């Protein structure tokens, strides 16, 4: 059962390493989810905070000092997902280009 769920996850998020647009779609979904979470609490500045987390440039991280530990964990988790998604995108795109030649 877990093996089947893993296969479904890999198929829908990156097409087994052959669908770079699926990786971008997954990254966009993650970014949108965290943007909504941060925008609910911080308003329009939540978009900038989420961008800083996902793309790891740290915009408006001073806002995290005004909230509880849970939002800091969410920010860290978003940064981790951002780095891994962008790395996966590069790997899948390279795989796609190298096999299509």
PDB file of N, CA and C in Angstrom:
ATOM      1  N   UNK A   1       0.826  -1.203   0.000  1.00  0.00           N
ATOM      2  CA  UNK A   1       0.000   0.000   0.000  1.00  0.00           C
ATOM      3  C   UNK A   1       0.866   1.261   0.000  1.00  0.00           C
ATOM      4  N   UNK A   2       1.887   1.315   0.837  1.00  0.00           N
ATOM      5  CA  UNK A   2       2.770   2.483   0.878  1.00  0.00           C
ATOM      6  C   UNK A   2       3.528   2.621  -0.438  1.00  0.00           C
ATOM      7  N   UNK A   3       3.939   1.478  -1.006  1.00  0.00           N
ATOM      8  CA  UNK A   3       4.641   1.499  -2.288  1.00  0.00           C
ATOM      9  C   UNK A   3       3.759   2.103  -3.380  1.00  0.00           C
ATOM     10  N   UNK A   4       2.492   1.750  -3.374  1.00  0.00           N
ATOM     11  CA  UNK A   4       1.559   2.283  -4.371  1.00  0.00           C
ATOM     12  C   UNK A   4       1.363   3.790  -4.179  1.00  0.00           C
ATOM     13  N   UNK A   5       1.251   4.241  -2.935  1.00  0.00           N
ATOM     14  CA  UNK A   5       1.127   5.675  -2.658  1.00  0.00           C
ATOM     15  C   UNK A   5       2.378   6.428  -3.097  1.00  0.00           C
ATOM     16  N   UNK A   6       3.539   5.842  -2.887  1.00  0.00           N
ATOM     17  CA  UNK A   6       4.791   6.459  -3.317  1.00  0.00           C
ATOM     18  C   UNK A   6       4.828   6.584  -4.836  1.00  0.00           C
ATOM     19  N   UNK A   7       4.400   5.530  -5.528  1.00  0.00           N
ATOM     20  CA  UNK A   7       4.356   5.576  -6.984  1.00  0.00           C
ATOM     21  C   UNK A   7       3.403   6.666  -7.483  1.00  0.00           C
ATOM     22  N   UNK A   8       2.249   6.780  -6.866  1.00  0.00           N
ATOM     23  CA  UNK A   8       1.296   7.822  -7.255  1.00  0.00           C
ATOM     24  C   UNK A   8       1.866   9.210  -7.008  1.00  0.00           C
ATOM     25  N   UNK A   9       2.518   9.381  -5.851  1.00  0.00           N
ATOM     26  CA  UNK A   9       3.125  10.670  -5.538  1.00  0.00           C
ATOM     27  C   UNK A   9       4.181  11.042  -6.575  1.00  0.00           C
ATOM     28  N   UNK A  10       5.052  10.103  -6.916  1.00  0.00           N
ATOM     29  CA  UNK A  10       6.100  10.371  -7.908  1.00  0.00           C
ATOM     30  C   UNK A  10       5.510  10.657  -9.284  1.00  0.00           C
ATOM     31  N   UNK A  11       4.480   9.928  -9.634  1.00  0.00           N
ATOM     32  CA  UNK A  11       3.856  10.143 -10.946  1.00  0.00           C
ATOM     33  C   UNK A  11       3.221  11.529 -11.037  1.00  0.00           C
ATOM     34  N   UNK A  12       2.501  11.935 -10.014  1.00  0.00           N
ATOM     35  CA  UNK A  12       1.781  13.206 -10.084  1.00  0.00           C
ATOM     36  C   UNK A  12       2.657  14.422  -9.810  1.00  0.00           C
ATOM     37  N   UNK A  13       3.762  14.263  -9.099  1.00  0.00           N
ATOM     38  CA  UNK A  13       4.594  15.434  -8.808  1.00  0.00           C
ATOM     39  C   UNK A  13       5.725  15.643  -9.795  1.00  0.00           C
ATOM     40  N   UNK A  14       6.213  14.599 -10.448  1.00  0.00           N
ATOM     41  CA  UNK A  14       7.291  14.820 -11.415  1.00  0.00           C
ATOM     42  C   UNK A  14       7.283  13.866 -12.594  1.00  0.00           C
ATOM     43  N   UNK A  15       6.274  13.036 -12.723  1.00  0.00           N
ATOM     44  CA  UNK A  15       6.190  12.131 -13.858  1.00  0.00           C
ATOM     45  C   UNK A  15       7.371  11.190 -13.946  1.00  0.00           C
ATOM     46  N   UNK A  16       7.772  10.669 -12.794  1.00  0.00           N
ATOM     47  CA  UNK A  16       8.923   9.758 -12.701  1.00  0.00           C
ATOM     48  C   UNK A  16      10.191  10.387 -13.272  1.00  0.00           C
ATOM     49  N   UNK A  17      10.372  11.661 -13.057  1.00  0.00           N
ATOM     50  CA  UNK A  17      11.590  12.326 -13.496  1.00  0.00           C
ATOM     51  C   UNK A  17      11.583  12.781 -14.933  1.00  0.00           C
ATOM     52  N   UNK A  18      10.415  12.769 -15.568  1.00  0.00           N
ATOM     53  CA  UNK A  18      10.331  13.138 -16.986  1.00  0.00           C
ATOM     54  C   UNK A  18       9.377  14.302 -17.265  1.00  0.00           C
ATOM     55  N   UNK A  19       8.791  14.884 -16.249  1.00  0.00           N
ATOM     56  CA  UNK A  19       7.809  15.948 -16.453  1.00  0.00           C
ATOM     57  C   UNK A  19       8.171  17.186 -15.618  1.00  0.00           C
ATOM     58  N   UNK A  20       9.032  18.063 -16.151  1.00  0.00           N
ATOM     59  CA  UNK A  20       9.447  19.232 -15.378  1.00  0.00           C
ATOM     60  C   UNK A  20       8.297  20.183 -15.044  1.00  0.00           C
ATOM     61  N   UNK A  21       7.284  20.246 -15.901  1.00  0.00           N
ATOM     62  CA  UNK A  21       6.164  21.145 -15.602  1.00  0.00           C
ATOM     63  C   UNK A  21       5.353  20.669 -14.397  1.00  0.00           C
ATOM     64  N   UNK A  22       5.337  19.372 -14.158  1.00  0.00           N
ATOM     65  CA  UNK A  22       4.652  18.861 -12.966  1.00  0.00           C
ATOM     66  C   UNK A  22       5.380  19.296 -11.694  1.00  0.00           C
ATOM     67  N   UNK A  23       6.704  19.341 -11.773  1.00  0.00           N
ATOM     68  CA  UNK A  23       7.473  19.811 -10.616  1.00  0.00           C
ATOM     69  C   UNK A  23       7.155  21.274 -10.356  1.00  0.00           C
ATOM     70  N   UNK A  24       7.079  22.076 -11.408  1.00  0.00           N
ATOM     71  CA  UNK A  24       6.718  23.492 -11.240  1.00  0.00           C
ATOM     72  C   UNK A  24       5.307  23.645 -10.695  1.00  0.00           C
ATOM     73  N   UNK A  25       4.397  22.802 -11.136  1.00  0.00           N
ATOM     74  CA  UNK A  25       3.025  22.853 -10.622  1.00  0.00           C
ATOM     75  C   UNK A  25       2.996  22.508  -9.133  1.00  0.00           C
ATOM     76  N   UNK A  26       3.771  21.502  -8.743  1.00  0.00           N
ATOM     77  CA  UNK A  26       3.841  21.135  -7.324  1.00  0.00           C
ATOM     78  C   UNK A  26       4.461  22.271  -6.516  1.00  0.00           C
ATOM     79  N   UNK A  27       5.498  22.894  -7.058  1.00  0.00           N
ATOM     80  CA  UNK A  27       6.131  24.018  -6.370  1.00  0.00           C
ATOM     81  C   UNK A  27       5.159  25.185  -6.231  1.00  0.00           C
ATOM     82  N   UNK A  28       4.406  25.450  -7.288  1.00  0.00           N
ATOM     83  CA  UNK A  28       3.413  26.520  -7.232  1.00  0.00           C
ATOM     84  C   UNK A  28       2.326  26.253  -6.208  1.00  0.00           C
ATOM     85  N   UNK A  29       1.938  25.005  -6.096  1.00  0.00           N
ATOM     86  CA  UNK A  29       0.928  24.623  -5.102  1.00  0.00           C
ATOM     87  C   UNK A  29       1.446  24.828  -3.690  1.00  0.00           C
ATOM     88  N   UNK A  30       2.669  24.399  -3.451  1.00  0.00           N
ATOM     89  CA  UNK A  30       3.276  24.587  -2.124  1.00  0.00           C
ATOM     90  C   UNK A  30       3.386  26.074  -1.810  1.00  0.00           C
ATOM     91  N   UNK A  31       3.877  26.854  -2.766  1.00  0.00           N
ATOM     92  CA  UNK A  31       4.032  28.293  -2.558  1.00  0.00           C
ATOM     93  C   UNK A  31       2.680  28.951  -2.288  1.00  0.00           C
ATOM     94  N   UNK A  32       1.668  28.586  -3.053  1.00  0.00           N
ATOM     95  CA  UNK A  32       0.334  29.171  -2.860  1.00  0.00           C
ATOM     96  C   UNK A  32      -0.231  28.823  -1.488  1.00  0.00           C
ATOM     97  N   UNK A  33      -0.060  27.591  -1.072  1.00  0.00           N
ATOM     98  CA  UNK A  33      -0.560  27.166   0.235  1.00  0.00           C
ATOM     99  C   UNK A  33       0.069  27.981   1.365  1.00  0.00           C
ATOM    100  N   UNK A  34       1.387  28.110   1.342  1.00  0.00           N
ATOM    101  CA  UNK A  34       2.050  28.866   2.404  1.00  0.00           C
ATOM    102  C   UNK A  34       1.757  30.357   2.301  1.00  0.00           C
ATOM    103  N   UNK A  35       1.592  30.874   1.086  1.00  0.00           N
ATOM    104  CA  UNK A  35       1.229  32.286   0.932  1.00  0.00           C
ATOM    105  C   UNK A  35      -0.126  32.559   1.564  1.00  0.00           C
ATOM    106  N   UNK A  36      -1.066  31.667   1.356  1.00  0.00           N
ATOM    107  CA  UNK A  36      -2.397  31.828   1.966  1.00  0.00           C
ATOM    108  C   UNK A  36      -2.291  31.804   3.488  1.00  0.00           C
ATOM    109  N   UNK A  37      -1.515  30.856   4.009  1.00  0.00           N
ATOM    110  CA  UNK A  37      -1.358  30.756   5.472  1.00  0.00           C
ATOM    111  C   UNK A  37      -0.763  32.039   6.042  1.00  0.00           C
ATOM    112  N   UNK A  38       0.313  32.534   5.423  1.00  0.00           N
ATOM    113  CA  UNK A  38       0.959  33.742   5.932  1.00  0.00           C
ATOM    114  C   UNK A  38       0.116  34.993   5.679  1.00  0.00           C
ATOM    115  N   UNK A  39      -0.613  35.032   4.557  1.00  0.00           N
ATOM    116  CA  UNK A  39      -1.443  36.204   4.268  1.00  0.00           C
ATOM    117  C   UNK A  39      -2.622  36.299   5.230  1.00  0.00           C
ATOM    118  N   UNK A  40      -3.127  35.175   5.686  1.00  0.00           N
ATOM    119  CA  UNK A  40      -4.221  35.204   6.659  1.00  0.00           C
ATOM    120  C   UNK A  40      -3.773  35.904   7.936  1.00  0.00           C
ATOM    121  N   UNK A  41      -2.541  35.635   8.339  1.00  0.00           N
ATOM    122  CA  UNK A  41      -2.053  36.223   9.593  1.00  0.00           C
ATOM    123  C   UNK A  41      -1.431  37.599   9.402  1.00  0.00           C
ATOM    124  N   UNK A  42      -0.666  37.807   8.309  1.00  0.00           N
ATOM    125  CA  UNK A  42       0.090  39.048   8.135  1.00  0.00           C
ATOM    126  C   UNK A  42      -0.493  39.997   7.100  1.00  0.00           C
ATOM    127  N   UNK A  43      -1.546  39.608   6.420  1.00  0.00           N
ATOM    128  CA  UNK A  43      -2.104  40.448   5.366  1.00  0.00           C
ATOM    129  C   UNK A  43      -1.268  40.350   4.097  1.00  0.00           C
ATOM    130  N   UNK A  44      -1.219  41.447   3.345  1.00  0.00           N
ATOM    131  CA  UNK A  44      -0.523  41.422   2.054  1.00  0.00           C
ATOM    132  C   UNK A  44       0.977  41.190   2.190  1.00  0.00           C
ATOM    133  N   UNK A  45       1.537  41.491   3.333  1.00  0.00           N
ATOM    134  CA  UNK A  45       2.965  41.257   3.561  1.00  0.00           C
ATOM    135  C   UNK A  45       3.259  39.755   3.627  1.00  0.00           C
ATOM    136  N   UNK A  46       2.237  38.957   3.849  1.00  0.00           N
ATOM    137  CA  UNK A  46       2.402  37.510   3.884  1.00  0.00           C
ATOM    138  C   UNK A  46       2.941  36.950   2.576  1.00  0.00           C
ATOM    139  N   UNK A  47       2.599  37.603   1.451  1.00  0.00           N
ATOM    140  CA  UNK A  47       3.129  37.167   0.159  1.00  0.00           C
ATOM    141  C   UNK A  47       4.647  37.328   0.120  1.00  0.00           C
ATOM    142  N   UNK A  48       5.131  38.462   0.577  1.00  0.00           N
ATOM    143  CA  UNK A  48       6.576  38.702   0.590  1.00  0.00           C
ATOM    144  C   UNK A  48       7.280  37.773   1.564  1.00  0.00           C
ATOM    145  N   UNK A  49       6.680  37.557   2.712  1.00  0.00           N
ATOM    146  CA  UNK A  49       7.259  36.630   3.689  1.00  0.00           C
ATOM    147  C   UNK A  49       7.331  35.216   3.118  1.00  0.00           C
ATOM    148  N   UNK A  50       6.275  34.787   2.453  1.00  0.00           N
ATOM    149  CA  UNK A  50       6.258  33.461   1.850  1.00  0.00           C
ATOM    150  C   UNK A  50       7.277  33.357   0.715  1.00  0.00           C
ATOM    151  N   UNK A  51       7.402  34.404  -0.077  1.00  0.00           N
ATOM    152  CA  UNK A  51       8.410  34.411  -1.144  1.00  0.00           C
ATOM    153  C   UNK A  51       9.808  34.288  -0.562  1.00  0.00           C
ATOM    154  N   UNK A  52      10.057  35.018   0.514  1.00  0.00           N
ATOM    155  CA  UNK A  52      11.358  34.955   1.175  1.00  0.00           C
ATOM    156  C   UNK A  52      11.653  33.575   1.723  1.00  0.00           C
ATOM    157  N   UNK A  53      10.619  32.887   2.168  1.00  0.00           N
ATOM    158  CA  UNK A  53      10.814  31.536   2.670  1.00  0.00           C
ATOM    159  C   UNK A  53      11.028  30.535   1.547  1.00  0.00           C
ATOM    160  N   UNK A  54      10.159  30.565   0.549  1.00  0.00           N
ATOM    161  CA  UNK A  54      10.225  29.572  -0.519  1.00  0.00           C
ATOM    162  C   UNK A  54      11.502  29.695  -1.346  1.00  0.00           C
ATOM    163  N   UNK A  55      11.872  30.929  -1.667  1.00  0.00           N
ATOM    164  CA  UNK A  55      13.067  31.147  -2.491  1.00  0.00           C
ATOM    165  C   UNK A  55      14.300  31.466  -1.649  1.00  0.00           C
ATOM    166  N   UNK A  56      14.176  31.389  -0.350  1.00  0.00           N
ATOM    167  CA  UNK A  56      15.248  31.509   0.653  1.00  0.00           C
ATOM    168  C   UNK A  56      16.061  32.794   0.561  1.00  0.00           C
ATOM    169  N   UNK A  57      15.399  33.921   0.247  1.00  0.00           N
ATOM    170  CA  UNK A  57      16.121  35.181   0.311  1.00  0.00           C
ATOM    171  C   UNK A  57      15.773  35.972   1.564  1.00  0.00           C
ATOM    172  N   UNK A  58      14.880  35.456   2.372  1.00  0.00           N
ATOM    173  CA  UNK A  58      14.643  35.962   3.714  1.00  0.00           C
ATOM    174  C   UNK A  58      13.942  37.297   3.842  1.00  0.00           C
ATOM    175  N   UNK A  59      13.074  37.654   2.919  1.00  0.00           N
ATOM    176  CA  UNK A  59      12.371  38.932   2.994  1.00  0.00           C
ATOM    177  C   UNK A  59      11.413  38.963   4.180  1.00  0.00           C
ATOM    178  N   UNK A  60      11.456  40.051   4.922  1.00  0.00           N
ATOM    179  CA  UNK A  60      10.546  40.316   6.046  1.00  0.00           C
ATOM    180  C   UNK A  60      10.565  39.252   7.139  1.00  0.00           C
ATOM    181  N   UNK A  61      11.703  38.638   7.359  1.00  0.00           N
ATOM    182  CA  UNK A  61      11.782  37.638   8.428  1.00  0.00           C
ATOM    183  C   UNK A  61      11.647  38.259   9.808  1.00  0.00           C
ATOM    184  N   UNK A  62      11.803  39.573   9.892  1.00  0.00           N
ATOM    185  CA  UNK A  62      11.601  40.238  11.186  1.00  0.00           C
ATOM    186  C   UNK A  62      10.173  40.051  11.698  1.00  0.00           C
ATOM    187  N   UNK A  63       9.230  39.778  10.798  1.00  0.00           N
ATOM    188  CA  UNK A  63       7.847  39.537  11.217  1.00  0.00           C
ATOM    189  C   UNK A  63       7.713  38.271  12.052  1.00  0.00           C
ATOM    190  N   UNK A  64       8.613  37.328  11.843  1.00  0.00           N
ATOM    191  CA  UNK A  64       8.530  36.060  12.569  1.00  0.00           C
ATOM    192  C   UNK A  64       8.799  36.235  14.057  1.00  0.00           C
ATOM    193  N   UNK A  65       9.476  37.316  14.430  1.00  0.00           N
ATOM    194  CA  UNK A  65       9.730  37.553  15.856  1.00  0.00           C
ATOM    195  C   UNK A  65       8.474  38.004  16.588  1.00  0.00           C
ATOM    196  N   UNK A  66       7.439  38.373  15.838  1.00  0.00           N
ATOM    197  CA  UNK A  66       6.205  38.853  16.471  1.00  0.00           C
ATOM    198  C   UNK A  66       5.149  37.763  16.613  1.00  0.00           C
ATOM    199  N   UNK A  67       5.459  36.555  16.146  1.00  0.00           N
ATOM    200  CA  UNK A  67       4.482  35.468  16.183  1.00  0.00           C
ATOM    201  C   UNK A  67       5.043  34.277  16.947  1.00  0.00           C
ATOM    202  N   UNK A  68       4.208  33.304  17.130  1.00  0.00           N
ATOM    203  CA  UNK A  68       4.599  32.119  17.880  1.00  0.00           C
ATOM    204  C   UNK A  68       5.541  31.189  17.125  1.00  0.00           C
ATOM    205  N   UNK A  69       5.962  30.177  17.826  1.00  0.00           N
ATOM    206  CA  UNK A  69       6.922  29.213  17.307  1.00  0.00           C
ATOM    207  C   UNK A  69       6.375  28.448  16.101  1.00  0.00           C
ATOM    208  N   UNK A  70       5.087  28.244  16.044  1.00  0.00           N
ATOM    209  CA  UNK A  70       4.468  27.506  14.945  1.00  0.00           C
ATOM    210  C   UNK A  70       4.706  28.154  13.591  1.00  0.00           C
ATOM    211  N   UNK A  71       4.612  29.477  13.519  1.00  0.00           N
ATOM    212  CA  UNK A  71       4.860  30.172  12.259  1.00  0.00           C
ATOM    213  C   UNK A  71       6.323  30.086  11.856  1.00  0.00           C
ATOM    214  N   UNK A  72       7.220  30.050  12.801  1.00  0.00           N
ATOM    215  CA  UNK A  72       8.647  29.886  12.488  1.00  0.00           C
ATOM    216  C   UNK A  72       8.903  28.506  11.907  1.00  0.00           C
ATOM    217  N   UNK A  73       8.236  27.496  12.458  1.00  0.00           N
ATOM    218  CA  UNK A  73       8.373  26.141  11.929  1.00  0.00           C
ATOM    219  C   UNK A  73       7.804  26.077  10.509  1.00  0.00           C
ATOM    220  N   UNK A  74       6.652  26.710  10.284  1.00  0.00           N
ATOM    221  CA  UNK A  74       6.077  26.754   8.940  1.00  0.00           C
ATOM    222  C   UNK A  74       7.023  27.433   7.949  1.00  0.00           C
ATOM    223  N   UNK A  75       7.641  28.529   8.379  1.00  0.00           N
ATOM    224  CA  UNK A  75       8.580  29.244   7.519  1.00  0.00           C
ATOM    225  C   UNK A  75       9.776  28.358   7.170  1.00  0.00           C
ATOM    226  N   UNK A  76      10.314  27.683   8.167  1.00  0.00           N
ATOM    227  CA  UNK A  76      11.435  26.776   7.938  1.00  0.00           C
ATOM    228  C   UNK A  76      11.029  25.652   6.989  1.00  0.00           C
ATOM    229  N   UNK A  77       9.859  25.084   7.204  1.00  0.00           N
ATOM    230  CA  UNK A  77       9.369  23.998   6.364  1.00  0.00           C
ATOM    231  C   UNK A  77       9.165  24.474   4.928  1.00  0.00           C
ATOM    232  N   UNK A  78       8.643  25.687   4.761  1.00  0.00           N
ATOM    233  CA  UNK A  78       8.476  26.223   3.412  1.00  0.00           C
ATOM    234  C   UNK A  78       9.825  26.422   2.731  1.00  0.00           C
ATOM    235  N   UNK A  79      10.816  26.912   3.474  1.00  0.00           N
ATOM    236  CA  UNK A  79      12.156  27.078   2.898  1.00  0.00           C
ATOM    237  C   UNK A  79      12.726  25.733   2.455  1.00  0.00           C
ATOM    238  N   UNK A  80      12.542  24.709   3.277  1.00  0.00           N
ATOM    239  CA  UNK A  80      13.016  23.372   2.926  1.00  0.00           C
ATOM    240  C   UNK A  80      12.327  22.865   1.659  1.00  0.00           C
ATOM    241  N   UNK A  81      11.009  23.019   1.602  1.00  0.00           N
ATOM    242  CA  UNK A  81      10.270  22.570   0.422  1.00  0.00           C
ATOM    243  C   UNK A  81      10.648  23.375  -0.820  1.00  0.00           C
ATOM    244  N   UNK A  82      10.917  24.654  -0.637  1.00  0.00           N
ATOM    245  CA  UNK A  82      11.338  25.483  -1.764  1.00  0.00           C
ATOM    246  C   UNK A  82      12.671  25.031  -2.342  1.00  0.00           C
ATOM    247  N   UNK A  83      13.642  24.787  -1.479  1.00  0.00           N
ATOM    248  CA  UNK A  83      14.953  24.327  -1.936  1.00  0.00           C
ATOM    249  C   UNK A  83      14.842  22.970  -2.614  1.00  0.00           C
ATOM    250  N   UNK A  84      14.103  22.055  -2.001  1.00  0.00           N
ATOM    251  CA  UNK A  84      14.000  20.717  -2.591  1.00  0.00           C
ATOM    252  C   UNK A  84      13.219  20.734  -3.905  1.00  0.00           C
ATOM    253  N   UNK A  85      12.166  21.536  -3.980  1.00  0.00           N
ATOM    254  CA  UNK A  85      11.402  21.620  -5.233  1.00  0.00           C
ATOM    255  C   UNK A  85      12.225  22.220  -6.364  1.00  0.00           C
ATOM    256  N   UNK A  86      12.970  23.273  -6.096  1.00  0.00           N
ATOM    257  CA  UNK A  86      13.778  23.879  -7.144  1.00  0.00           C
ATOM    258  C   UNK A  86      14.920  22.959  -7.562  1.00  0.00           C
ATOM    259  N   UNK A  87      15.493  22.245  -6.609  1.00  0.00           N
ATOM    260  CA  UNK A  87      16.539  21.268  -6.945  1.00  0.00           C
ATOM    261  C   UNK A  87      15.961  20.134  -7.787  1.00  0.00           C
ATOM    262  N   UNK A  88      14.803  19.649  -7.392  1.00  0.00           N
ATOM    263  CA  UNK A  88      14.152  18.591  -8.160  1.00  0.00           C
ATOM    264  C   UNK A  88      13.817  19.074  -9.561  1.00  0.00           C
ATOM    265  N   UNK A  89      13.390  20.311  -9.693  1.00  0.00           N
ATOM    266  CA  UNK A  89      13.078  20.852 -11.013  1.00  0.00           C
ATOM    267  C   UNK A  89      14.313  20.833 -11.913  1.00  0.00           C
ATOM    268  N   UNK A  90      15.448  21.242 -11.384  1.00  0.00           N
ATOM    269  CA  UNK A  90      16.683  21.253 -12.178  1.00  0.00           C
ATOM    270  C   UNK A  90      17.063  19.836 -12.597  1.00  0.00           C
ATOM    271  N   UNK A  91      16.955  18.888 -11.685  1.00  0.00           N
ATOM    272  CA  UNK A  91      17.294  17.501 -11.999  1.00  0.00           C
ATOM    273  C   UNK A  91      16.345  16.931 -13.058  1.00  0.00           C
ATOM    274  N   UNK A  92      15.057  17.148 -12.891  1.00  0.00           N
ATOM    275  CA  UNK A  92      14.075  16.612 -13.839  1.00  0.00           C
ATOM    276  C   UNK A  92      14.220  17.290 -15.199  1.00  0.00           C
ATOM    277  N   UNK A  93      14.454  18.592 -15.209  1.00  0.00           N
ATOM    278  CA  UNK A  93      14.634  19.299 -16.475  1.00  0.00           C
ATOM    279  C   UNK A  93      15.879  18.802 -17.205  1.00  0.00           C
ATOM    280  N   UNK A  94      16.961  18.604 -16.476  1.00  0.00           N
ATOM    281  CA  UNK A  94      18.188  18.065 -17.072  1.00  0.00           C
ATOM    282  C   UNK A  94      17.955  16.662 -17.608  1.00  0.00           C
ATOM    283  N   UNK A  95      17.261  15.855 -16.841  1.00  0.00           N
ATOM    284  CA  UNK A  95      16.923  14.490 -17.282  1.00  0.00           C
ATOM    285  C   UNK A  95      16.081  14.532 -18.557  1.00  0.00           C
ATOM    286  N   UNK A  96      15.108  15.396 -18.581  1.00  0.00           N
ATOM    287  CA  UNK A  96      14.222  15.528 -19.744  1.00  0.00           C
ATOM    288  C   UNK A  96      15.015  15.947 -20.971  1.00  0.00           C
ATOM    289  N   UNK A  97      15.866  16.964 -20.816  1.00  0.00           N
ATOM    290  CA  UNK A  97      16.658  17.445 -21.960  1.00  0.00           C
ATOM    291  C   UNK A  97      17.646  16.391 -22.445  1.00  0.00           C
ATOM    292  N   UNK A  98      18.290  15.704 -21.515  1.00  0.00           N
ATOM    293  CA  UNK A  98      19.308  14.730 -21.932  1.00  0.00           C
ATOM    294  C   UNK A  98      18.697  13.504 -22.609  1.00  0.00           C
ATOM    295  N   UNK A  99      17.507  13.095 -22.203  1.00  0.00           N
ATOM    296  CA  UNK A  99      16.868  11.930 -22.818  1.00  0.00           C
ATOM    297  C   UNK A  99      16.108  12.262 -24.098  1.00  0.00           C
ATOM    298  N   UNK A 100      15.796  13.531 -24.303  1.00  0.00           N
ATOM    299  CA  UNK A 100      15.040  13.907 -25.508  1.00  0.00           C
ATOM    300  C   UNK A 100      15.956  14.166 -26.694  1.00  0.00           C
ATOM    301  N   UNK A 101      17.252  14.095 -26.502  1.00  0.00           N
ATOM    302  CA  UNK A 101      18.197  14.369 -27.601  1.00  0.00           C
ATOM    303  C   UNK A 101      18.599  13.141 -28.328  1.00  0.00           C
TER     304      UNK A 101
END
